[in-house]
Amino acid sequence: MRRYTLPALGILIGAVVGFLYYYYIGCMTGTCPITSRPLNSTLYGALMGGLLVKLFKK
């Protein structure tokens, strides 16, 4: 259980940050592939959060 806590936390924080990026900054024209829709931005943030946490694990 403890093994998955840090990666899950990284994914969760990344997803929240991705959604907040869409909400506050986003894409005005709708042509941006990542930030044009909230789902894309949230999934991308979750992916980046998970990868960032993996960098610091032994």
C-alpha atoms as a PDB file:
ATOM      1  CA  MET A   1       0.000   0.000   0.000  1.00  0.00           C
ATOM      2  CA  ARG A   2       2.732   2.429   0.960  1.00  0.00           C
ATOM      3  CA  ARG A   3       4.506   1.710  -2.328  1.00  0.00           C
ATOM      4  CA  TYR A   4       1.726   3.353  -4.332  1.00  0.00           C
ATOM      5  CA  THR A   5       1.023   6.305  -2.054  1.00  0.00           C
ATOM      6  CA  LEU A   6       3.627   8.715  -3.428  1.00  0.00           C
ATOM      7  CA  PRO A   7       2.927   8.028  -7.135  1.00  0.00           C
ATOM      8  CA  ALA A   8      -0.828   8.322  -6.525  1.00  0.00           C
ATOM      9  CA  LEU A   9      -0.303  11.615  -4.741  1.00  0.00           C
ATOM     10  CA  GLY A  10       1.826  12.889  -7.637  1.00  0.00           C
ATOM     11  CA  ILE A  11      -0.844  11.895 -10.147  1.00  0.00           C
ATOM     12  CA  LEU A  12      -3.593  13.515  -8.092  1.00  0.00           C
ATOM     13  CA  ILE A  13      -1.703  16.780  -7.628  1.00  0.00           C
ATOM     14  CA  GLY A  14      -0.747  16.796 -11.313  1.00  0.00           C
ATOM     15  CA  ALA A  15      -4.374  16.326 -12.342  1.00  0.00           C
ATOM     16  CA  VAL A  16      -5.516  19.193 -10.124  1.00  0.00           C
ATOM     17  CA  VAL A  17      -2.766  21.471 -11.439  1.00  0.00           C
ATOM     18  CA  GLY A  18      -3.640  20.487 -15.020  1.00  0.00           C
ATOM     19  CA  PHE A  19      -7.290  21.354 -14.500  1.00  0.00           C
ATOM     20  CA  LEU A  20      -6.424  24.633 -12.799  1.00  0.00           C
ATOM     21  CA  TYR A  21      -4.165  25.495 -15.708  1.00  0.00           C
ATOM     22  CA  TYR A  22      -7.073  24.892 -18.100  1.00  0.00           C
ATOM     23  CA  TYR A  23      -9.475  26.872 -15.939  1.00  0.00           C
ATOM     24  CA  TYR A  24      -7.344  29.954 -15.316  1.00  0.00           C
ATOM     25  CA  ILE A  25      -5.081  30.082 -18.388  1.00  0.00           C
ATOM     26  CA  GLY A  26      -6.459  27.664 -20.963  1.00  0.00           C
ATOM     27  CA  CYS A  27      -6.656  28.350 -24.672  1.00  0.00           C
ATOM     28  CA  MET A  28      -8.760  31.204 -25.999  1.00  0.00           C
ATOM     29  CA  THR A  29      -8.909  30.046 -29.631  1.00  0.00           C
ATOM     30  CA  GLY A  30      -9.596  26.370 -28.992  1.00  0.00           C
ATOM     31  CA  THR A  31      -6.756  25.236 -31.253  1.00  0.00           C
ATOM     32  CA  CYS A  32      -4.330  24.227 -28.515  1.00  0.00           C
ATOM     33  CA  PRO A  33      -4.191  20.409 -28.399  1.00  0.00           C
ATOM     34  CA  ILE A  34      -3.646  20.071 -24.649  1.00  0.00           C
ATOM     35  CA  THR A  35      -5.381  23.041 -23.056  1.00  0.00           C
ATOM     36  CA  SER A  36      -8.415  23.347 -25.323  1.00  0.00           C
ATOM     37  CA  ARG A  37     -10.444  20.813 -23.293  1.00  0.00           C
ATOM     38  CA  PRO A  38     -10.430  20.206 -19.531  1.00  0.00           C
ATOM     39  CA  LEU A  39     -10.080  16.427 -19.916  1.00  0.00           C
ATOM     40  CA  ASN A  40      -6.928  16.735 -22.020  1.00  0.00           C
ATOM     41  CA  SER A  41      -5.366  19.221 -19.648  1.00  0.00           C
ATOM     42  CA  THR A  42      -6.232  17.143 -16.582  1.00  0.00           C
ATOM     43  CA  LEU A  43      -4.873  13.910 -18.057  1.00  0.00           C
ATOM     44  CA  TYR A  44      -1.690  15.633 -19.221  1.00  0.00           C
ATOM     45  CA  GLY A  45      -1.190  17.119 -15.767  1.00  0.00           C
ATOM     46  CA  ALA A  46      -1.726  13.714 -14.157  1.00  0.00           C
ATOM     47  CA  LEU A  47       0.817  12.153 -16.497  1.00  0.00           C
ATOM     48  CA  MET A  48       3.385  14.849 -15.789  1.00  0.00           C
ATOM     49  CA  GLY A  49       2.771  14.614 -12.030  1.00  0.00           C
ATOM     50  CA  GLY A  50       3.285  10.857 -12.087  1.00  0.00           C
ATOM     51  CA  LEU A  51       6.459  11.147 -14.135  1.00  0.00           C
ATOM     52  CA  LEU A  52       7.830  13.881 -11.919  1.00  0.00           C
ATOM     53  CA  VAL A  53       7.375  11.725  -8.814  1.00  0.00           C
ATOM     54  CA  LYS A  54       9.077   8.797 -10.565  1.00  0.00           C
ATOM     55  CA  LEU A  55      12.197  10.936 -11.065  1.00  0.00           C
ATOM     56  CA  PHE A  56      12.777  11.177  -7.318  1.00  0.00           C
ATOM     57  CA  LYS A  57      12.177   7.510  -6.421  1.00  0.00           C
ATOM     58  CA  LYS A  58      15.126   5.176  -5.924  1.00  0.00           C
END
